[in-house]
């Protein structure tokens, strides 16, 4: 969020400076901040609470969250899944790997 805000302000002041609305761009020398992402896993208790809180939601939302939790797939993969990738008889999911 910080980097996006700085980029927006930098672009605004660059535009303003090019139209001589301001003398200089005070954001031109500010560098991006590198933010380390942390991987965090839900505990069994947190998963149970999550599933419990979903009981009031539509079944499709419950199903999607369960697939995300139990398979570890990315949400984009789950959202783009097709019925032919699911085998409910043996409870399996086929994950297609496409090399681009």
C-alpha atoms as a PDB file:
ATOM      1  CA  UNK A   1       0.000   0.000   0.000  1.00  0.00           C
ATOM      2  CA  UNK A   2       2.841   2.380   0.845  1.00  0.00           C
ATOM      3  CA  UNK A   3       4.588   1.817  -2.497  1.00  0.00           C
ATOM      4  CA  UNK A   4       1.356   2.306  -4.450  1.00  0.00           C
ATOM      5  CA  UNK A   5       0.640   5.553  -2.604  1.00  0.00           C
ATOM      6  CA  UNK A   6       4.139   6.889  -3.265  1.00  0.00           C
ATOM      7  CA  UNK A   7       3.889   5.916  -6.951  1.00  0.00           C
ATOM      8  CA  UNK A   8       0.590   7.764  -7.269  1.00  0.00           C
ATOM      9  CA  UNK A   9       1.927  10.888  -5.536  1.00  0.00           C
ATOM     10  CA  UNK A  10       5.102  10.759  -7.642  1.00  0.00           C
ATOM     11  CA  UNK A  11       3.027  10.623 -10.846  1.00  0.00           C
ATOM     12  CA  UNK A  12       0.751  13.454  -9.711  1.00  0.00           C
ATOM     13  CA  UNK A  13       3.656  15.732  -8.835  1.00  0.00           C
ATOM     14  CA  UNK A  14       5.484  14.806 -12.048  1.00  0.00           C
ATOM     15  CA  UNK A  15       2.407  15.891 -13.999  1.00  0.00           C
ATOM     16  CA  UNK A  16       2.104  19.078 -11.930  1.00  0.00           C
ATOM     17  CA  UNK A  17       5.803  19.880 -12.425  1.00  0.00           C
ATOM     18  CA  UNK A  18       5.583  19.299 -16.182  1.00  0.00           C
ATOM     19  CA  UNK A  19       2.749  21.834 -16.311  1.00  0.00           C
ATOM     20  CA  UNK A  20       4.683  24.228 -14.070  1.00  0.00           C
ATOM     21  CA  UNK A  21       2.087  24.006 -11.298  1.00  0.00           C
ATOM     22  CA  UNK A  22       4.814  23.157  -8.765  1.00  0.00           C
ATOM     23  CA  UNK A  23       8.548  23.874  -8.818  1.00  0.00           C
ATOM     24  CA  UNK A  24       9.713  20.322  -8.182  1.00  0.00           C
ATOM     25  CA  UNK A  25       8.560  16.806  -7.388  1.00  0.00           C
ATOM     26  CA  UNK A  26       9.234  16.070  -3.698  1.00  0.00           C
ATOM     27  CA  UNK A  27       8.466  12.374  -4.260  1.00  0.00           C
ATOM     28  CA  UNK A  28      10.997  11.809  -7.053  1.00  0.00           C
ATOM     29  CA  UNK A  29      13.749  10.767  -4.636  1.00  0.00           C
ATOM     30  CA  UNK A  30      11.677   8.442  -2.444  1.00  0.00           C
ATOM     31  CA  UNK A  31      12.531   4.809  -3.098  1.00  0.00           C
ATOM     32  CA  UNK A  32      10.224   1.820  -2.926  1.00  0.00           C
ATOM     33  CA  UNK A  33      10.172   0.001   0.383  1.00  0.00           C
ATOM     34  CA  UNK A  34      10.880  -3.698   0.216  1.00  0.00           C
ATOM     35  CA  UNK A  35       8.401  -5.539   2.379  1.00  0.00           C
ATOM     36  CA  UNK A  36       9.123  -9.116   3.360  1.00  0.00           C
ATOM     37  CA  UNK A  37       6.056 -11.295   3.101  1.00  0.00           C
ATOM     38  CA  UNK A  38       5.464 -13.797   5.842  1.00  0.00           C
ATOM     39  CA  UNK A  39       3.871 -17.167   5.250  1.00  0.00           C
ATOM     40  CA  UNK A  40       1.407 -18.027   7.954  1.00  0.00           C
ATOM     41  CA  UNK A  41      -0.633 -21.174   8.347  1.00  0.00           C
ATOM     42  CA  UNK A  42      -3.990 -21.457  10.069  1.00  0.00           C
ATOM     43  CA  UNK A  43      -4.116 -23.613  13.175  1.00  0.00           C
ATOM     44  CA  UNK A  44      -6.670 -26.420  13.497  1.00  0.00           C
ATOM     45  CA  UNK A  45      -8.655 -24.233  15.880  1.00  0.00           C
ATOM     46  CA  UNK A  46      -8.651 -21.323  13.406  1.00  0.00           C
ATOM     47  CA  UNK A  47      -9.788 -23.626  10.593  1.00  0.00           C
ATOM     48  CA  UNK A  48     -12.605 -24.967  12.774  1.00  0.00           C
ATOM     49  CA  UNK A  49     -13.698 -21.406  13.614  1.00  0.00           C
ATOM     50  CA  UNK A  50     -13.565 -20.455   9.933  1.00  0.00           C
ATOM     51  CA  UNK A  51     -15.727 -23.413   8.912  1.00  0.00           C
ATOM     52  CA  UNK A  52     -18.113 -22.701  11.781  1.00  0.00           C
ATOM     53  CA  UNK A  53     -18.486 -19.068  10.708  1.00  0.00           C
ATOM     54  CA  UNK A  54     -19.273 -20.178   7.141  1.00  0.00           C
ATOM     55  CA  UNK A  55     -22.315 -22.237   8.194  1.00  0.00           C
ATOM     56  CA  UNK A  56     -24.579 -19.229   7.609  1.00  0.00           C
ATOM     57  CA  UNK A  57     -23.196 -18.643   4.102  1.00  0.00           C
ATOM     58  CA  UNK A  58     -24.301 -20.176   0.810  1.00  0.00           C
ATOM     59  CA  UNK A  59     -23.075 -23.717   0.169  1.00  0.00           C
ATOM     60  CA  UNK A  60     -20.921 -22.621  -2.784  1.00  0.00           C
ATOM     61  CA  UNK A  61     -18.882 -20.342  -0.501  1.00  0.00           C
ATOM     62  CA  UNK A  62     -18.435 -23.139   2.011  1.00  0.00           C
ATOM     63  CA  UNK A  63     -17.276 -25.471  -0.769  1.00  0.00           C
ATOM     64  CA  UNK A  64     -14.782 -22.989  -2.212  1.00  0.00           C
ATOM     65  CA  UNK A  65     -13.221 -22.251   1.188  1.00  0.00           C
ATOM     66  CA  UNK A  66     -12.954 -25.968   1.957  1.00  0.00           C
ATOM     67  CA  UNK A  67     -11.224 -26.621  -1.372  1.00  0.00           C
ATOM     68  CA  UNK A  68      -8.818 -23.743  -0.709  1.00  0.00           C
ATOM     69  CA  UNK A  69      -7.995 -24.985   2.799  1.00  0.00           C
ATOM     70  CA  UNK A  70      -7.742 -28.700   2.043  1.00  0.00           C
ATOM     71  CA  UNK A  71      -5.809 -28.452  -1.235  1.00  0.00           C
ATOM     72  CA  UNK A  72      -3.650 -25.377  -0.704  1.00  0.00           C
ATOM     73  CA  UNK A  73      -4.418 -24.222  -4.235  1.00  0.00           C
ATOM     74  CA  UNK A  74      -4.349 -20.567  -5.118  1.00  0.00           C
ATOM     75  CA  UNK A  75      -7.709 -18.860  -5.289  1.00  0.00           C
ATOM     76  CA  UNK A  76      -7.356 -18.174  -9.013  1.00  0.00           C
ATOM     77  CA  UNK A  77      -6.943 -21.903  -9.683  1.00  0.00           C
ATOM     78  CA  UNK A  78     -10.009 -22.761  -7.623  1.00  0.00           C
ATOM     79  CA  UNK A  79     -12.149 -19.968  -9.100  1.00  0.00           C
ATOM     80  CA  UNK A  80     -11.330 -21.085 -12.644  1.00  0.00           C
ATOM     81  CA  UNK A  81     -11.955 -24.786 -11.971  1.00  0.00           C
ATOM     82  CA  UNK A  82     -14.296 -26.622 -14.296  1.00  0.00           C
ATOM     83  CA  UNK A  83     -16.619 -29.487 -13.402  1.00  0.00           C
ATOM     84  CA  UNK A  84     -14.606 -31.896 -15.563  1.00  0.00           C
ATOM     85  CA  UNK A  85     -11.677 -31.428 -13.140  1.00  0.00           C
ATOM     86  CA  UNK A  86     -13.714 -32.779 -10.207  1.00  0.00           C
ATOM     87  CA  UNK A  87     -14.451 -36.448  -9.573  1.00  0.00           C
ATOM     88  CA  UNK A  88     -16.935 -36.537  -6.722  1.00  0.00           C
ATOM     89  CA  UNK A  89     -17.101 -40.347  -6.881  1.00  0.00           C
ATOM     90  CA  UNK A  90     -13.552 -40.701  -5.568  1.00  0.00           C
ATOM     91  CA  UNK A  91     -13.311 -37.182  -4.123  1.00  0.00           C
ATOM     92  CA  UNK A  92     -10.437 -36.064  -6.335  1.00  0.00           C
ATOM     93  CA  UNK A  93      -9.462 -32.918  -8.185  1.00  0.00           C
ATOM     94  CA  UNK A  94      -7.386 -32.919 -11.350  1.00  0.00           C
ATOM     95  CA  UNK A  95      -4.975 -29.981 -11.431  1.00  0.00           C
ATOM     96  CA  UNK A  96      -3.996 -29.043 -14.954  1.00  0.00           C
ATOM     97  CA  UNK A  97      -0.457 -27.743 -15.416  1.00  0.00           C
ATOM     98  CA  UNK A  98      -0.005 -25.640 -18.513  1.00  0.00           C
ATOM     99  CA  UNK A  99       3.473 -24.531 -19.555  1.00  0.00           C
ATOM    100  CA  UNK A 100       3.302 -21.176 -21.260  1.00  0.00           C
END
